Amino acid sequence: MAHSLVKNYIHIVFSTKKRENIITEDFDYKLYNYLSKIINSTDSTVLKIGGYTDHIHILCELSKNYALSNFMQLLKGASSKWVNDNKFTSSNFHWQSGYGAFSIRPQDIDIIINYIDNQKIHHTTVSYQNELLTFLRKYNVKYNEKYLWD
């Protein structure tokens, strides 16, 4: 085949350092827009970004030209620098060191978009920790809980 033909739909989830509730309504949409710009700069396509006060959800089509680990390093590094440069938080802003990334079937895209749209309602009853554990179980990801919550 002369071309590389790829369709990688990825649902990414990551938290603020120590799951601090510091993503406020003062700048959450600005952060989502900035993350979108970073993602688009990688030839990837944003389908939805949202989250809650302590974490982010991203649904995107990952470019064939980026390894997920490099993509995440760019995304988290650039966005935390942007938050700090713009002084959106009173203390130094950091993301947790890890992330969750789950491949999504094309027929599930609308379900994930709806899920991300409803994060604020969802998290009135479900913590980020329980949400992540549910994803890990659903996708059969092996983990040691000792290392999940840095």
C-alpha atoms as a PDB file:
ATOM      1  CA  MET A   1       0.000   0.000   0.000  1.00  0.00           C
ATOM      2  CA  ALA A   2       1.445   3.374  -1.007  1.00  0.00           C
ATOM      3  CA  HIS A   3      -0.279   5.364   1.774  1.00  0.00           C
ATOM      4  CA  SER A   4      -0.766   4.893   5.487  1.00  0.00           C
ATOM      5  CA  LEU A   5      -4.490   4.849   6.154  1.00  0.00           C
ATOM      6  CA  VAL A   6      -5.326   5.295   9.823  1.00  0.00           C
ATOM      7  CA  LYS A   7      -8.416   6.072  11.932  1.00  0.00           C
ATOM      8  CA  ASN A   8      -7.552   6.294  15.654  1.00  0.00           C
ATOM      9  CA  TYR A   9     -10.412   7.540  17.809  1.00  0.00           C
ATOM     10  CA  ILE A  10      -9.098   8.025  21.340  1.00  0.00           C
ATOM     11  CA  HIS A  11     -10.873   9.000  24.557  1.00  0.00           C
ATOM     12  CA  ILE A  12      -8.245  10.558  26.824  1.00  0.00           C
ATOM     13  CA  VAL A  13      -8.695  11.322  30.518  1.00  0.00           C
ATOM     14  CA  PHE A  14      -6.219  13.008  32.849  1.00  0.00           C
ATOM     15  CA  SER A  15      -6.321  14.879  36.115  1.00  0.00           C
ATOM     16  CA  THR A  16      -4.787  17.847  37.814  1.00  0.00           C
ATOM     17  CA  LYS A  17      -1.916  17.035  40.159  1.00  0.00           C
ATOM     18  CA  LYS A  18      -3.330  15.455  43.335  1.00  0.00           C
ATOM     19  CA  ARG A  19      -6.788  15.857  41.760  1.00  0.00           C
ATOM     20  CA  GLU A  20      -6.979  19.448  42.954  1.00  0.00           C
ATOM     21  CA  ASN A  21     -10.262  21.184  42.119  1.00  0.00           C
ATOM     22  CA  ILE A  22      -8.628  24.131  40.363  1.00  0.00           C
ATOM     23  CA  ILE A  23     -10.132  24.138  36.858  1.00  0.00           C
ATOM     24  CA  THR A  24     -12.736  26.802  37.493  1.00  0.00           C
ATOM     25  CA  GLU A  25     -15.474  28.238  35.325  1.00  0.00           C
ATOM     26  CA  ASP A  26     -13.298  31.369  35.065  1.00  0.00           C
ATOM     27  CA  PHE A  27     -11.037  29.619  32.562  1.00  0.00           C
ATOM     28  CA  ASP A  28     -12.274  26.088  31.789  1.00  0.00           C
ATOM     29  CA  TYR A  29     -13.543  26.933  28.285  1.00  0.00           C
ATOM     30  CA  LYS A  30     -10.394  28.917  27.548  1.00  0.00           C
ATOM     31  CA  LEU A  31      -8.389  25.833  28.547  1.00  0.00           C
ATOM     32  CA  TYR A  32     -10.516  23.591  26.323  1.00  0.00           C
ATOM     33  CA  ASN A  33      -9.982  25.980  23.405  1.00  0.00           C
ATOM     34  CA  TYR A  34      -6.244  26.059  24.016  1.00  0.00           C
ATOM     35  CA  LEU A  35      -6.104  22.256  24.160  1.00  0.00           C
ATOM     36  CA  SER A  36      -8.033  22.191  20.860  1.00  0.00           C
ATOM     37  CA  LYS A  37      -5.421  24.441  19.244  1.00  0.00           C
ATOM     38  CA  ILE A  38      -2.612  22.175  20.400  1.00  0.00           C
ATOM     39  CA  ILE A  39      -4.396  19.076  19.132  1.00  0.00           C
ATOM     40  CA  ASN A  40      -5.179  20.658  15.775  1.00  0.00           C
ATOM     41  CA  SER A  41      -1.520  21.671  15.414  1.00  0.00           C
ATOM     42  CA  THR A  42      -0.613  17.956  15.402  1.00  0.00           C
ATOM     43  CA  ASP A  43      -2.882  17.182  12.433  1.00  0.00           C
ATOM     44  CA  SER A  44      -5.194  15.431  14.873  1.00  0.00           C
ATOM     45  CA  THR A  45      -8.898  16.270  15.027  1.00  0.00           C
ATOM     46  CA  VAL A  46     -10.751  17.331  18.160  1.00  0.00           C
ATOM     47  CA  LEU A  47     -14.222  15.841  18.450  1.00  0.00           C
ATOM     48  CA  LYS A  48     -14.971  16.993  22.014  1.00  0.00           C
ATOM     49  CA  ILE A  49     -13.211  18.416  25.059  1.00  0.00           C
ATOM     50  CA  GLY A  50     -14.736  18.871  28.477  1.00  0.00           C
ATOM     51  CA  GLY A  51     -14.260  17.953  32.058  1.00  0.00           C
ATOM     52  CA  TYR A  52     -14.729  18.986  35.606  1.00  0.00           C
ATOM     53  CA  THR A  53     -12.806  20.906  38.243  1.00  0.00           C
ATOM     54  CA  ASP A  54     -10.116  18.239  38.641  1.00  0.00           C
ATOM     55  CA  HIS A  55      -9.826  16.506  35.269  1.00  0.00           C
ATOM     56  CA  ILE A  56     -10.174  16.684  31.477  1.00  0.00           C
ATOM     57  CA  HIS A  57     -11.793  14.421  28.885  1.00  0.00           C
ATOM     58  CA  ILE A  58     -10.708  14.622  25.261  1.00  0.00           C
ATOM     59  CA  LEU A  59     -12.186  12.718  22.346  1.00  0.00           C
ATOM     60  CA  CYS A  60     -10.033  13.070  19.266  1.00  0.00           C
ATOM     61  CA  GLU A  61      -8.891  11.396  16.121  1.00  0.00           C
ATOM     62  CA  LEU A  62      -5.167  10.965  16.711  1.00  0.00           C
ATOM     63  CA  SER A  63      -2.921  11.707  13.735  1.00  0.00           C
ATOM     64  CA  LYS A  64      -0.985   8.808  12.277  1.00  0.00           C
ATOM     65  CA  ASN A  65       2.131  10.981  12.668  1.00  0.00           C
ATOM     66  CA  TYR A  66       2.102  11.051  16.489  1.00  0.00           C
ATOM     67  CA  ALA A  67       2.772   8.379  19.053  1.00  0.00           C
ATOM     68  CA  LEU A  68       0.287   8.704  21.886  1.00  0.00           C
ATOM     69  CA  SER A  69       3.021   9.268  24.502  1.00  0.00           C
ATOM     70  CA  ASN A  70       4.559  12.126  22.480  1.00  0.00           C
ATOM     71  CA  PHE A  71       1.126  13.600  21.833  1.00  0.00           C
ATOM     72  CA  MET A  72       0.308  13.552  25.566  1.00  0.00           C
ATOM     73  CA  GLN A  73       3.653  15.050  26.535  1.00  0.00           C
ATOM     74  CA  LEU A  74       3.054  17.944  24.135  1.00  0.00           C
ATOM     75  CA  LEU A  75      -0.564  18.413  25.197  1.00  0.00           C
ATOM     76  CA  LYS A  76       0.015  18.400  28.930  1.00  0.00           C
ATOM     77  CA  GLY A  77       3.301  20.312  28.851  1.00  0.00           C
ATOM     78  CA  ALA A  78       2.077  23.134  26.642  1.00  0.00           C
ATOM     79  CA  SER A  79      -1.280  23.486  28.405  1.00  0.00           C
ATOM     80  CA  SER A  80       0.161  23.582  31.930  1.00  0.00           C
ATOM     81  CA  LYS A  81       2.676  26.222  30.807  1.00  0.00           C
ATOM     82  CA  TRP A  82      -0.198  28.215  29.275  1.00  0.00           C
ATOM     83  CA  VAL A  83      -2.260  28.036  32.490  1.00  0.00           C
ATOM     84  CA  ASN A  84       0.739  29.196  34.535  1.00  0.00           C
ATOM     85  CA  ASP A  85       1.753  31.947  32.080  1.00  0.00           C
ATOM     86  CA  ASN A  86      -1.791  33.322  32.200  1.00  0.00           C
ATOM     87  CA  LYS A  87      -1.997  33.015  36.004  1.00  0.00           C
ATOM     88  CA  PHE A  88      -5.393  31.287  35.929  1.00  0.00           C
ATOM     89  CA  THR A  89      -4.628  29.614  39.264  1.00  0.00           C
ATOM     90  CA  SER A  90      -3.230  31.079  42.476  1.00  0.00           C
ATOM     91  CA  SER A  91      -0.588  28.342  42.760  1.00  0.00           C
ATOM     92  CA  ASN A  92       1.630  26.641  40.183  1.00  0.00           C
ATOM     93  CA  PHE A  93      -0.538  24.432  37.931  1.00  0.00           C
ATOM     94  CA  HIS A  94       0.453  20.849  37.091  1.00  0.00           C
ATOM     95  CA  TRP A  95      -1.234  17.846  35.525  1.00  0.00           C
ATOM     96  CA  GLN A  96      -0.840  14.388  37.042  1.00  0.00           C
ATOM     97  CA  SER A  97       2.016  12.453  35.486  1.00  0.00           C
ATOM     98  CA  GLY A  98      -0.138   9.772  33.865  1.00  0.00           C
ATOM     99  CA  TYR A  99      -3.276   9.556  31.761  1.00  0.00           C
ATOM    100  CA  GLY A 100      -5.894   7.119  30.562  1.00  0.00           C
ATOM    101  CA  ALA A 101      -6.372   6.619  26.828  1.00  0.00           C
ATOM    102  CA  PHE A 102      -9.011   4.317  25.398  1.00  0.00           C
ATOM    103  CA  SER A 103      -9.684   3.427  21.779  1.00  0.00           C
ATOM    104  CA  ILE A 104     -13.233   4.138  20.678  1.00  0.00           C
ATOM    105  CA  ARG A 105     -15.283   2.429  18.000  1.00  0.00           C
ATOM    106  CA  PRO A 106     -16.663   4.843  15.376  1.00  0.00           C
ATOM    107  CA  GLN A 107     -20.235   3.879  16.289  1.00  0.00           C
ATOM    108  CA  ASP A 108     -19.582   4.990  19.913  1.00  0.00           C
ATOM    109  CA  ILE A 109     -18.444   8.540  19.101  1.00  0.00           C
ATOM    110  CA  ASP A 110     -21.833  10.139  19.805  1.00  0.00           C
ATOM    111  CA  ILE A 111     -22.083   8.290  23.115  1.00  0.00           C
ATOM    112  CA  ILE A 112     -18.676   9.596  24.240  1.00  0.00           C
ATOM    113  CA  ILE A 113     -19.464  13.143  23.065  1.00  0.00           C
ATOM    114  CA  ASN A 114     -22.676  13.065  25.110  1.00  0.00           C
ATOM    115  CA  TYR A 115     -20.773  11.666  28.082  1.00  0.00           C
ATOM    116  CA  ILE A 116     -18.220  14.491  27.929  1.00  0.00           C
ATOM    117  CA  ASP A 117     -20.978  17.093  27.472  1.00  0.00           C
ATOM    118  CA  ASN A 118     -22.577  15.947  30.729  1.00  0.00           C
ATOM    119  CA  GLN A 119     -19.496  15.932  32.965  1.00  0.00           C
ATOM    120  CA  LYS A 120     -20.737  18.605  35.358  1.00  0.00           C
ATOM    121  CA  ILE A 121     -23.970  16.692  35.993  1.00  0.00           C
ATOM    122  CA  HIS A 122     -22.189  13.327  36.118  1.00  0.00           C
ATOM    123  CA  HIS A 123     -19.755  14.495  38.781  1.00  0.00           C
ATOM    124  CA  THR A 124     -22.447  15.619  41.184  1.00  0.00           C
ATOM    125  CA  THR A 125     -22.707  11.908  42.080  1.00  0.00           C
ATOM    126  CA  VAL A 126     -19.517  10.211  40.804  1.00  0.00           C
ATOM    127  CA  SER A 127     -15.930  11.082  41.769  1.00  0.00           C
ATOM    128  CA  TYR A 128     -13.092  11.213  39.245  1.00  0.00           C
ATOM    129  CA  GLN A 129     -11.501   8.232  40.999  1.00  0.00           C
ATOM    130  CA  ASN A 130     -14.626   6.083  40.578  1.00  0.00           C
ATOM    131  CA  GLU A 131     -15.030   7.258  36.998  1.00  0.00           C
ATOM    132  CA  LEU A 132     -11.456   6.270  36.101  1.00  0.00           C
ATOM    133  CA  LEU A 133     -11.758   2.901  37.840  1.00  0.00           C
ATOM    134  CA  THR A 134     -14.938   2.243  35.828  1.00  0.00           C
ATOM    135  CA  PHE A 135     -13.082   2.968  32.572  1.00  0.00           C
ATOM    136  CA  LEU A 136     -10.157   0.753  33.550  1.00  0.00           C
ATOM    137  CA  ARG A 137     -12.509  -2.131  34.295  1.00  0.00           C
ATOM    138  CA  LYS A 138     -14.604  -1.564  31.178  1.00  0.00           C
ATOM    139  CA  TYR A 139     -11.546  -1.624  28.915  1.00  0.00           C
ATOM    140  CA  ASN A 140      -9.848  -4.460  30.825  1.00  0.00           C
ATOM    141  CA  VAL A 141      -6.800  -2.354  31.706  1.00  0.00           C
ATOM    142  CA  LYS A 142      -4.534  -3.924  34.303  1.00  0.00           C
ATOM    143  CA  TYR A 143      -3.505  -1.487  37.006  1.00  0.00           C
ATOM    144  CA  ASN A 144      -2.184  -1.197  40.509  1.00  0.00           C
ATOM    145  CA  GLU A 145      -4.297   1.307  42.410  1.00  0.00           C
ATOM    146  CA  LYS A 146      -1.236   2.251  44.453  1.00  0.00           C
ATOM    147  CA  TYR A 147       0.098   4.081  41.368  1.00  0.00           C
ATOM    148  CA  LEU A 148      -3.125   5.687  40.089  1.00  0.00           C
ATOM    149  CA  TRP A 149      -3.405   8.690  42.357  1.00  0.00           C
ATOM    150  CA  ASP A 150      -0.181  10.699  42.222  1.00  0.00           C
END
